[in-house]
N, C-alpha and C. Protein backbone atom coordinates (compact mmCIF):
# COMPACT_ATOMS: atom_id res chain seq x y z
N MET A 1 104.60 24.41 65.05
CA MET A 1 103.95 23.34 64.35
C MET A 1 104.08 23.59 62.85
N ALA A 2 104.33 22.55 62.09
CA ALA A 2 104.54 22.68 60.65
C ALA A 2 103.22 22.90 59.94
N ALA A 3 103.30 23.66 58.86
CA ALA A 3 102.09 23.95 58.09
C ALA A 3 101.65 22.70 57.35
N LEU A 4 100.37 22.58 57.18
CA LEU A 4 99.78 21.46 56.46
C LEU A 4 100.21 21.54 54.99
N GLN A 5 100.72 20.45 54.44
CA GLN A 5 101.20 20.44 53.07
C GLN A 5 100.02 20.43 52.10
N ILE A 6 100.18 21.16 51.00
CA ILE A 6 99.17 21.21 49.95
C ILE A 6 99.62 20.31 48.81
N ARG A 7 98.70 19.53 48.27
CA ARG A 7 99.08 18.63 47.18
C ARG A 7 99.63 19.43 46.01
N GLN A 8 100.59 18.84 45.30
CA GLN A 8 101.36 19.56 44.28
C GLN A 8 100.97 19.21 42.85
N ASP A 9 99.89 18.47 42.63
CA ASP A 9 99.57 18.08 41.26
C ASP A 9 98.90 19.19 40.46
N TYR A 10 98.59 20.32 41.07
CA TYR A 10 98.07 21.50 40.38
C TYR A 10 99.02 22.65 40.63
N SER A 11 99.39 23.35 39.56
CA SER A 11 100.27 24.52 39.73
C SER A 11 99.42 25.72 40.15
N PRO A 12 100.04 26.74 40.72
CA PRO A 12 99.29 27.95 41.06
C PRO A 12 98.60 28.59 39.85
N ALA A 13 99.25 28.54 38.69
CA ALA A 13 98.63 29.10 37.48
C ALA A 13 97.36 28.33 37.10
N GLU A 14 97.42 26.99 37.22
CA GLU A 14 96.22 26.19 36.92
C GLU A 14 95.09 26.51 37.90
N LEU A 15 95.43 26.68 39.17
CA LEU A 15 94.41 26.99 40.17
C LEU A 15 93.79 28.36 39.90
N ARG A 16 94.61 29.33 39.49
CA ARG A 16 94.07 30.66 39.17
C ARG A 16 93.16 30.60 37.93
N GLN A 17 93.54 29.81 36.93
CA GLN A 17 92.68 29.66 35.74
C GLN A 17 91.35 29.02 36.11
N ARG A 18 91.41 28.00 36.97
CA ARG A 18 90.17 27.37 37.42
C ARG A 18 89.32 28.37 38.21
N ALA A 19 89.96 29.21 39.00
CA ALA A 19 89.23 30.20 39.81
C ALA A 19 88.51 31.20 38.91
N VAL A 20 89.13 31.58 37.80
CA VAL A 20 88.51 32.52 36.88
C VAL A 20 87.29 31.89 36.21
N ARG A 21 87.38 30.61 35.87
CA ARG A 21 86.27 29.92 35.19
C ARG A 21 85.21 29.41 36.15
N GLU A 22 85.50 29.42 37.44
CA GLU A 22 84.60 28.85 38.43
C GLU A 22 83.34 29.69 38.57
N ARG A 23 82.18 29.04 38.53
CA ARG A 23 80.90 29.75 38.66
C ARG A 23 80.56 30.01 40.11
N ASP A 24 81.02 29.14 41.00
CA ASP A 24 80.78 29.29 42.43
C ASP A 24 81.81 30.26 42.99
N HIS A 25 81.36 31.43 43.41
CA HIS A 25 82.25 32.49 43.87
C HIS A 25 83.11 32.04 45.05
N ARG A 26 82.50 31.37 46.00
CA ARG A 26 83.25 30.96 47.20
C ARG A 26 84.30 29.91 46.87
N ALA A 27 84.00 28.99 45.97
CA ALA A 27 84.99 27.99 45.56
C ALA A 27 86.13 28.68 44.80
N GLY A 28 85.80 29.70 44.02
CA GLY A 28 86.84 30.44 43.31
C GLY A 28 87.79 31.15 44.27
N LEU A 29 87.24 31.72 45.34
CA LEU A 29 88.09 32.37 46.34
C LEU A 29 88.99 31.36 47.04
N ARG A 30 88.48 30.18 47.30
CA ARG A 30 89.30 29.14 47.93
C ARG A 30 90.44 28.73 47.00
N LEU A 31 90.14 28.62 45.70
CA LEU A 31 91.19 28.30 44.73
C LEU A 31 92.27 29.38 44.70
N LEU A 32 91.85 30.64 44.75
CA LEU A 32 92.83 31.74 44.75
C LEU A 32 93.69 31.71 46.01
N ALA A 33 93.10 31.41 47.14
CA ALA A 33 93.86 31.33 48.38
C ALA A 33 94.88 30.19 48.31
N LEU A 34 94.48 29.06 47.76
CA LEU A 34 95.41 27.94 47.62
C LEU A 34 96.54 28.29 46.66
N ALA A 35 96.20 28.99 45.57
CA ALA A 35 97.25 29.39 44.61
C ALA A 35 98.25 30.33 45.28
N SER A 36 97.75 31.26 46.07
CA SER A 36 98.65 32.19 46.77
C SER A 36 99.54 31.44 47.76
N ALA A 37 98.97 30.47 48.46
CA ALA A 37 99.77 29.69 49.41
C ALA A 37 100.82 28.85 48.70
N LEU A 38 100.47 28.30 47.54
CA LEU A 38 101.44 27.52 46.78
C LEU A 38 102.56 28.39 46.22
N GLU A 39 102.28 29.66 45.98
CA GLU A 39 103.30 30.57 45.45
C GLU A 39 104.27 31.02 46.52
N GLY A 40 104.00 30.70 47.79
CA GLY A 40 104.95 31.02 48.84
C GLY A 40 104.47 32.05 49.85
N LYS A 41 103.29 32.57 49.69
CA LYS A 41 102.77 33.51 50.68
C LYS A 41 102.44 32.76 51.96
N THR A 42 102.48 33.46 53.07
CA THR A 42 102.10 32.81 54.32
C THR A 42 100.61 32.47 54.28
N ARG A 43 100.24 31.51 55.11
CA ARG A 43 98.83 31.08 55.10
C ARG A 43 97.90 32.22 55.53
N SER A 44 98.33 33.00 56.51
CA SER A 44 97.47 34.10 56.96
C SER A 44 97.35 35.16 55.87
N GLU A 45 98.42 35.42 55.14
CA GLU A 45 98.36 36.42 54.06
C GLU A 45 97.52 35.90 52.89
N ALA A 46 97.67 34.63 52.54
CA ALA A 46 96.88 34.05 51.46
C ALA A 46 95.40 34.07 51.81
N ALA A 47 95.07 33.78 53.06
CA ALA A 47 93.68 33.79 53.50
C ALA A 47 93.13 35.21 53.46
N ARG A 48 93.93 36.18 53.94
CA ARG A 48 93.49 37.57 53.95
C ARG A 48 93.25 38.09 52.53
N LEU A 49 94.10 37.73 51.58
CA LEU A 49 93.94 38.17 50.19
C LEU A 49 92.65 37.60 49.57
N ALA A 50 92.24 36.42 50.03
CA ALA A 50 91.02 35.80 49.49
C ALA A 50 89.80 36.19 50.32
N GLY A 51 89.99 36.96 51.38
CA GLY A 51 88.85 37.41 52.18
C GLY A 51 88.30 36.35 53.11
N MET A 52 89.18 35.53 53.66
CA MET A 52 88.73 34.48 54.56
C MET A 52 89.66 34.40 55.77
N GLU A 53 89.27 33.64 56.74
CA GLU A 53 90.08 33.42 57.94
C GLU A 53 91.10 32.32 57.65
N ARG A 54 92.15 32.29 58.46
CA ARG A 54 93.18 31.28 58.29
C ARG A 54 92.62 29.87 58.51
N GLN A 55 91.69 29.73 59.46
CA GLN A 55 91.09 28.43 59.72
C GLN A 55 90.28 27.95 58.51
N ALA A 56 89.60 28.87 57.83
CA ALA A 56 88.85 28.51 56.63
C ALA A 56 89.79 28.02 55.53
N LEU A 57 90.96 28.65 55.42
CA LEU A 57 91.95 28.20 54.44
C LEU A 57 92.46 26.81 54.81
N ARG A 58 92.67 26.55 56.10
CA ARG A 58 93.11 25.23 56.52
C ARG A 58 92.07 24.17 56.16
N ASP A 59 90.80 24.49 56.40
CA ASP A 59 89.73 23.55 56.03
C ASP A 59 89.71 23.32 54.52
N ALA A 60 89.95 24.38 53.75
CA ALA A 60 89.98 24.25 52.29
C ALA A 60 91.16 23.38 51.86
N VAL A 61 92.30 23.52 52.52
CA VAL A 61 93.47 22.69 52.19
C VAL A 61 93.15 21.22 52.45
N LEU A 62 92.51 20.93 53.57
CA LEU A 62 92.15 19.54 53.89
C LEU A 62 91.21 18.97 52.82
N ARG A 63 90.22 19.74 52.43
CA ARG A 63 89.27 19.27 51.42
C ARG A 63 89.92 19.17 50.05
N PHE A 64 90.82 20.10 49.72
CA PHE A 64 91.53 20.08 48.44
C PHE A 64 92.45 18.86 48.37
N ASN A 65 93.16 18.57 49.46
CA ASN A 65 94.04 17.41 49.47
C ASN A 65 93.26 16.11 49.31
N ALA A 66 92.08 16.04 49.88
CA ALA A 66 91.30 14.81 49.83
C ALA A 66 90.54 14.65 48.51
N GLU A 67 89.96 15.75 48.00
CA GLU A 67 89.04 15.62 46.85
C GLU A 67 89.46 16.41 45.62
N GLY A 68 90.47 17.23 45.72
CA GLY A 68 90.87 18.05 44.58
C GLY A 68 90.03 19.31 44.51
N PRO A 69 90.04 20.00 43.36
CA PRO A 69 89.29 21.26 43.23
C PRO A 69 87.78 21.08 43.42
N GLU A 70 87.26 19.91 43.10
CA GLU A 70 85.82 19.68 43.27
C GLU A 70 85.41 19.71 44.73
N GLY A 71 86.34 19.42 45.63
CA GLY A 71 86.03 19.40 47.06
C GLY A 71 85.90 20.78 47.67
N LEU A 72 86.18 21.84 46.90
CA LEU A 72 86.14 23.20 47.44
C LEU A 72 84.75 23.84 47.37
N HIS A 73 83.81 23.15 46.77
CA HIS A 73 82.44 23.67 46.70
C HIS A 73 81.75 23.48 48.04
N ASP A 74 80.81 24.36 48.35
CA ASP A 74 80.05 24.24 49.58
C ASP A 74 79.26 22.94 49.58
N ARG A 75 79.17 22.34 50.74
CA ARG A 75 78.38 21.12 50.88
C ARG A 75 76.90 21.49 50.91
N PRO A 76 76.04 20.65 50.34
CA PRO A 76 74.60 20.96 50.43
C PRO A 76 74.12 20.87 51.87
N ARG A 77 73.27 21.80 52.23
CA ARG A 77 72.72 21.82 53.58
C ARG A 77 71.34 21.16 53.53
N PRO A 78 71.03 20.32 54.48
CA PRO A 78 69.77 19.58 54.39
C PRO A 78 68.54 20.45 54.55
N GLY A 79 68.54 21.40 55.46
CA GLY A 79 67.38 22.25 55.65
C GLY A 79 66.23 21.51 56.30
N ARG A 80 65.17 22.22 56.53
CA ARG A 80 64.00 21.64 57.15
C ARG A 80 63.20 20.85 56.11
N PRO A 81 62.76 19.65 56.44
CA PRO A 81 62.00 18.88 55.46
C PRO A 81 60.62 19.48 55.23
N GLU A 82 60.09 19.25 54.03
CA GLU A 82 58.76 19.74 53.70
C GLU A 82 57.73 19.06 54.60
N ARG A 83 56.72 19.80 55.00
CA ARG A 83 55.69 19.23 55.86
C ARG A 83 54.63 18.49 55.06
N LEU A 84 54.47 18.85 53.80
CA LEU A 84 53.55 18.13 52.92
C LEU A 84 54.37 17.30 51.94
N SER A 85 53.94 16.06 51.69
CA SER A 85 54.64 15.22 50.73
C SER A 85 54.42 15.77 49.33
N GLU A 86 55.16 15.22 48.36
CA GLU A 86 55.01 15.69 46.98
C GLU A 86 53.60 15.44 46.47
N GLY A 87 53.01 14.31 46.83
CA GLY A 87 51.64 14.01 46.41
C GLY A 87 50.65 14.99 47.01
N GLN A 88 50.84 15.33 48.29
CA GLN A 88 49.95 16.29 48.93
C GLN A 88 50.11 17.68 48.32
N GLN A 89 51.35 18.04 47.98
CA GLN A 89 51.57 19.34 47.34
C GLN A 89 50.90 19.39 45.97
N ALA A 90 50.97 18.28 45.22
CA ALA A 90 50.32 18.24 43.91
C ALA A 90 48.80 18.34 44.07
N ALA A 91 48.26 17.66 45.09
CA ALA A 91 46.82 17.74 45.33
C ALA A 91 46.41 19.16 45.73
N LEU A 92 47.22 19.82 46.55
CA LEU A 92 46.93 21.19 46.95
C LEU A 92 46.97 22.12 45.73
N LYS A 93 47.95 21.94 44.86
CA LYS A 93 48.04 22.77 43.67
C LYS A 93 46.81 22.58 42.78
N GLY A 94 46.38 21.32 42.62
CA GLY A 94 45.18 21.05 41.84
C GLY A 94 43.95 21.69 42.46
N HIS A 95 43.85 21.65 43.79
CA HIS A 95 42.73 22.27 44.50
C HIS A 95 42.70 23.78 44.26
N ILE A 96 43.87 24.38 44.28
CA ILE A 96 43.96 25.83 44.08
C ILE A 96 43.60 26.19 42.64
N LEU A 97 44.11 25.41 41.69
CA LEU A 97 43.86 25.72 40.27
C LEU A 97 42.40 25.48 39.89
N ARG A 98 41.71 24.55 40.55
CA ARG A 98 40.28 24.36 40.28
C ARG A 98 39.48 25.56 40.75
N GLY A 99 39.95 26.23 41.77
CA GLY A 99 39.25 27.40 42.28
C GLY A 99 38.15 27.03 43.25
N PRO A 100 37.67 27.99 43.99
CA PRO A 100 36.65 27.71 45.00
C PRO A 100 35.25 27.62 44.39
N ASP A 101 34.42 26.89 45.07
CA ASP A 101 32.99 26.84 44.74
C ASP A 101 32.31 27.78 45.74
N PRO A 102 31.75 28.90 45.28
CA PRO A 102 31.20 29.88 46.23
C PRO A 102 30.15 29.30 47.17
N GLU A 103 29.36 28.36 46.70
CA GLU A 103 28.32 27.80 47.56
C GLU A 103 28.90 26.85 48.60
N ARG A 104 29.88 26.06 48.21
CA ARG A 104 30.48 25.09 49.13
C ARG A 104 31.51 25.75 50.05
N ASP A 105 32.39 26.56 49.45
CA ASP A 105 33.51 27.13 50.21
C ASP A 105 33.18 28.47 50.84
N GLY A 106 32.19 29.15 50.34
CA GLY A 106 31.81 30.44 50.91
C GLY A 106 32.67 31.61 50.47
N VAL A 107 33.56 31.39 49.52
CA VAL A 107 34.41 32.47 49.00
C VAL A 107 34.41 32.40 47.48
N SER A 108 34.68 33.54 46.85
CA SER A 108 34.73 33.56 45.39
C SER A 108 36.15 33.47 44.87
N ALA A 109 37.13 33.73 45.71
CA ALA A 109 38.54 33.62 45.34
C ALA A 109 39.31 33.16 46.57
N TRP A 110 40.35 32.34 46.34
CA TRP A 110 41.13 31.84 47.47
C TRP A 110 41.95 32.95 48.09
N ARG A 111 41.93 32.98 49.40
CA ARG A 111 42.85 33.82 50.17
C ARG A 111 43.80 32.87 50.88
N LEU A 112 44.94 33.37 51.29
CA LEU A 112 45.90 32.52 51.98
C LEU A 112 45.32 31.97 53.28
N VAL A 113 44.50 32.76 53.95
CA VAL A 113 43.90 32.30 55.20
C VAL A 113 42.99 31.10 54.93
N ASP A 114 42.22 31.16 53.84
CA ASP A 114 41.34 30.05 53.48
C ASP A 114 42.15 28.80 53.16
N LEU A 115 43.25 28.99 52.45
CA LEU A 115 44.08 27.84 52.09
C LEU A 115 44.77 27.24 53.31
N CYS A 116 45.16 28.08 54.27
CA CYS A 116 45.74 27.56 55.52
C CYS A 116 44.74 26.68 56.25
N ASP A 117 43.48 27.14 56.30
CA ASP A 117 42.43 26.35 56.94
C ASP A 117 42.22 25.03 56.20
N HIS A 118 42.21 25.09 54.87
CA HIS A 118 42.01 23.88 54.07
C HIS A 118 43.14 22.87 54.33
N VAL A 119 44.38 23.33 54.34
CA VAL A 119 45.52 22.43 54.54
C VAL A 119 45.45 21.81 55.93
N GLU A 120 45.07 22.60 56.93
CA GLU A 120 44.99 22.07 58.28
C GLU A 120 43.87 21.04 58.41
N ARG A 121 42.71 21.32 57.81
CA ARG A 121 41.60 20.37 57.86
C ARG A 121 41.91 19.10 57.08
N ARG A 122 42.47 19.25 55.89
CA ARG A 122 42.66 18.12 54.99
C ARG A 122 43.86 17.26 55.35
N TYR A 123 45.00 17.90 55.68
CA TYR A 123 46.24 17.15 55.87
C TYR A 123 46.72 17.14 57.32
N GLY A 124 46.09 17.93 58.18
CA GLY A 124 46.51 17.98 59.57
C GLY A 124 47.83 18.69 59.78
N VAL A 125 48.19 19.54 58.83
CA VAL A 125 49.45 20.29 58.91
C VAL A 125 49.11 21.76 59.02
N ARG A 126 49.72 22.41 59.99
CA ARG A 126 49.42 23.82 60.22
C ARG A 126 50.50 24.70 59.60
N TYR A 127 50.09 25.62 58.75
CA TYR A 127 51.00 26.59 58.11
C TYR A 127 50.60 27.99 58.55
N SER A 128 51.60 28.85 58.68
CA SER A 128 51.30 30.27 58.83
C SER A 128 51.01 30.82 57.44
N VAL A 129 50.47 32.01 57.37
CA VAL A 129 50.17 32.62 56.08
C VAL A 129 51.46 32.79 55.28
N TRP A 130 52.52 33.24 55.96
CA TRP A 130 53.80 33.44 55.29
C TRP A 130 54.38 32.10 54.81
N GLY A 131 54.30 31.06 55.64
CA GLY A 131 54.83 29.76 55.26
C GLY A 131 54.10 29.17 54.07
N LEU A 132 52.78 29.33 54.05
CA LEU A 132 52.01 28.82 52.91
C LEU A 132 52.31 29.64 51.66
N SER A 133 52.53 30.93 51.82
CA SER A 133 52.90 31.77 50.68
C SER A 133 54.22 31.29 50.08
N CYS A 134 55.19 30.94 50.91
CA CYS A 134 56.48 30.43 50.42
C CYS A 134 56.28 29.09 49.71
N LEU A 135 55.43 28.23 50.27
CA LEU A 135 55.15 26.94 49.64
C LEU A 135 54.52 27.15 48.26
N LEU A 136 53.58 28.08 48.15
CA LEU A 136 52.94 28.33 46.87
C LEU A 136 53.93 28.87 45.84
N GLN A 137 54.90 29.66 46.29
CA GLN A 137 55.94 30.14 45.37
C GLN A 137 56.77 28.97 44.87
N ARG A 138 57.09 28.01 45.75
CA ARG A 138 57.85 26.84 45.33
C ARG A 138 57.05 25.97 44.36
N LEU A 139 55.72 26.05 44.44
CA LEU A 139 54.86 25.31 43.53
C LEU A 139 54.59 26.10 42.24
N ASN A 140 55.27 27.22 42.06
CA ASN A 140 55.14 28.10 40.89
C ASN A 140 53.73 28.68 40.77
N LEU A 141 53.13 29.00 41.88
CA LEU A 141 51.84 29.68 41.90
C LEU A 141 52.08 31.10 42.37
N SER A 142 51.45 32.06 41.70
CA SER A 142 51.63 33.45 42.08
C SER A 142 50.31 34.01 42.57
N ARG A 143 50.39 35.04 43.34
CA ARG A 143 49.21 35.67 43.87
C ARG A 143 48.66 36.63 42.82
N GLN A 144 47.42 36.46 42.47
CA GLN A 144 46.80 37.34 41.50
C GLN A 144 45.51 37.89 42.09
N LYS A 145 45.34 39.17 41.98
CA LYS A 145 44.13 39.80 42.48
C LYS A 145 43.35 40.36 41.31
N THR A 146 42.04 40.28 41.41
CA THR A 146 41.22 40.88 40.37
C THR A 146 41.23 42.39 40.54
N ARG A 147 40.97 43.07 39.45
CA ARG A 147 40.92 44.52 39.51
C ARG A 147 39.69 44.95 40.29
N PRO A 148 39.84 45.85 41.24
CA PRO A 148 38.67 46.25 42.03
C PRO A 148 37.68 47.05 41.19
N SER A 149 36.41 46.89 41.51
CA SER A 149 35.38 47.65 40.81
C SER A 149 34.44 48.26 41.84
N HIS A 150 34.00 49.45 41.55
CA HIS A 150 33.09 50.14 42.46
C HIS A 150 31.70 49.53 42.33
N PRO A 151 31.02 49.30 43.45
CA PRO A 151 29.70 48.66 43.36
C PRO A 151 28.67 49.50 42.62
N LYS A 152 28.83 50.81 42.56
CA LYS A 152 27.87 51.67 41.87
C LYS A 152 28.36 52.06 40.47
N GLY A 153 29.38 51.36 39.99
CA GLY A 153 29.91 51.67 38.67
C GLY A 153 28.92 51.35 37.57
N ASP A 154 28.89 52.19 36.53
CA ASP A 154 27.97 52.02 35.42
C ASP A 154 28.66 51.23 34.31
N ALA A 155 28.09 50.08 33.95
CA ALA A 155 28.69 49.20 32.95
C ALA A 155 28.74 49.88 31.58
N ALA A 156 27.74 50.70 31.23
CA ALA A 156 27.73 51.37 29.93
C ALA A 156 28.86 52.38 29.83
N VAL A 157 29.13 53.10 30.90
CA VAL A 157 30.22 54.08 30.89
C VAL A 157 31.56 53.36 30.76
N LYS A 158 31.72 52.22 31.45
CA LYS A 158 32.96 51.45 31.35
C LYS A 158 33.17 50.95 29.92
N ALA A 159 32.10 50.45 29.30
CA ALA A 159 32.21 49.95 27.93
C ALA A 159 32.58 51.08 26.97
N ALA A 160 31.99 52.24 27.14
CA ALA A 160 32.31 53.38 26.28
C ALA A 160 33.75 53.81 26.48
N PHE A 161 34.23 53.77 27.70
CA PHE A 161 35.61 54.15 28.00
C PHE A 161 36.58 53.18 27.34
N LYS A 162 36.28 51.87 27.41
CA LYS A 162 37.16 50.88 26.81
C LYS A 162 37.22 51.02 25.30
N LYS A 163 36.12 51.44 24.67
CA LYS A 163 36.09 51.60 23.22
C LYS A 163 36.78 52.88 22.78
N GLY A 164 37.09 53.76 23.70
CA GLY A 164 37.78 54.99 23.36
C GLY A 164 36.85 56.10 22.92
N ALA A 165 35.63 56.06 23.35
CA ALA A 165 34.68 57.11 23.00
C ALA A 165 35.11 58.40 23.67
N PRO A 166 35.04 59.53 22.96
CA PRO A 166 35.44 60.79 23.58
C PRO A 166 34.49 61.17 24.70
N GLY A 167 35.08 61.64 25.77
CA GLY A 167 34.29 62.07 26.92
C GLY A 167 34.16 63.57 26.94
N PRO A 168 33.46 64.12 27.91
CA PRO A 168 33.25 65.56 27.96
C PRO A 168 34.53 66.35 28.21
N ALA A 169 35.55 65.77 28.84
CA ALA A 169 36.75 66.54 29.16
C ALA A 169 37.74 66.59 28.01
N SER A 170 37.57 65.74 26.98
CA SER A 170 38.59 65.68 25.93
C SER A 170 38.56 66.92 25.03
N GLY A 171 37.45 67.61 24.89
CA GLY A 171 37.37 68.80 24.04
C GLY A 171 38.22 69.94 24.57
N ARG A 172 38.31 70.09 25.84
CA ARG A 172 39.07 71.20 26.43
C ARG A 172 40.55 71.07 26.12
N ARG A 173 41.07 69.88 26.19
CA ARG A 173 42.50 69.71 25.90
C ARG A 173 42.79 70.04 24.44
N GLY A 174 41.90 69.66 23.58
CA GLY A 174 42.11 69.91 22.16
C GLY A 174 42.20 71.40 21.86
N ARG A 175 41.36 72.23 22.47
CA ARG A 175 41.41 73.68 22.24
C ARG A 175 42.69 74.27 22.80
N ALA A 176 43.15 73.79 23.95
CA ALA A 176 44.36 74.35 24.55
C ALA A 176 45.56 74.06 23.66
N SER A 177 45.61 72.86 23.10
CA SER A 177 46.77 72.54 22.26
C SER A 177 46.70 73.30 20.94
N GLN A 178 45.49 73.58 20.40
CA GLN A 178 45.39 74.35 19.16
C GLN A 178 45.84 75.78 19.38
N SER A 179 45.48 76.39 20.51
CA SER A 179 45.91 77.77 20.74
C SER A 179 47.40 77.84 20.99
N ALA A 180 47.97 76.80 21.61
CA ALA A 180 49.41 76.80 21.82
C ALA A 180 50.14 76.66 20.49
N ALA A 181 49.56 75.87 19.58
CA ALA A 181 50.20 75.68 18.27
C ALA A 181 50.16 76.97 17.46
N SER A 182 49.07 77.75 17.57
CA SER A 182 48.98 78.97 16.78
C SER A 182 49.88 80.07 17.33
N SER A 183 50.27 79.96 18.61
CA SER A 183 51.13 81.00 19.18
C SER A 183 52.61 80.78 18.88
N LEU A 184 52.95 79.69 18.23
CA LEU A 184 54.34 79.42 17.90
C LEU A 184 54.77 80.32 16.75
N VAL A 185 55.95 80.83 16.85
CA VAL A 185 56.50 81.70 15.82
C VAL A 185 57.65 80.95 15.16
N PRO A 186 57.68 80.93 13.81
CA PRO A 186 58.79 80.22 13.15
C PRO A 186 60.11 80.91 13.49
N GLY A 187 61.10 80.13 13.76
CA GLY A 187 62.34 80.69 14.24
C GLY A 187 63.40 80.52 13.30
């Protein structure tokens, strides 16, 4: 069976230049494979040099012949549709940014479990904790935790520490460094 003909309006040198400038790595490899095939290499050798199968090169030739170099980019994949509409996502983001009311919601900070319950009650859509975490990342929300504090912590000691007041242990270090400095001999 005869090999599929490649359109001739681009020279191998032009295809290689486009491959170098191409931002899409996979499209660049397809361009290199086409350039190698146009230079006279066998299709299997051209495909192997570009790191692809011969069938993938054939598919690239078909797309190149029909659409030119622009046809070598990957097609967008549809993926799973969002379960919440854009309006519902905006409302959820606003709900999160307003924060919880401790008396009404029973929590002082949102947890993913609480938000999953809220989404299920409000919109009738069930999310796993991981799925809701991914949704929040797409909404440009990040997880932030407050710094933990000990329930028996003394506020006066914390305030003194933040101001940089010397504590009882700081004097010992000072004496050790002074004795080390005096033991140095000029060399």
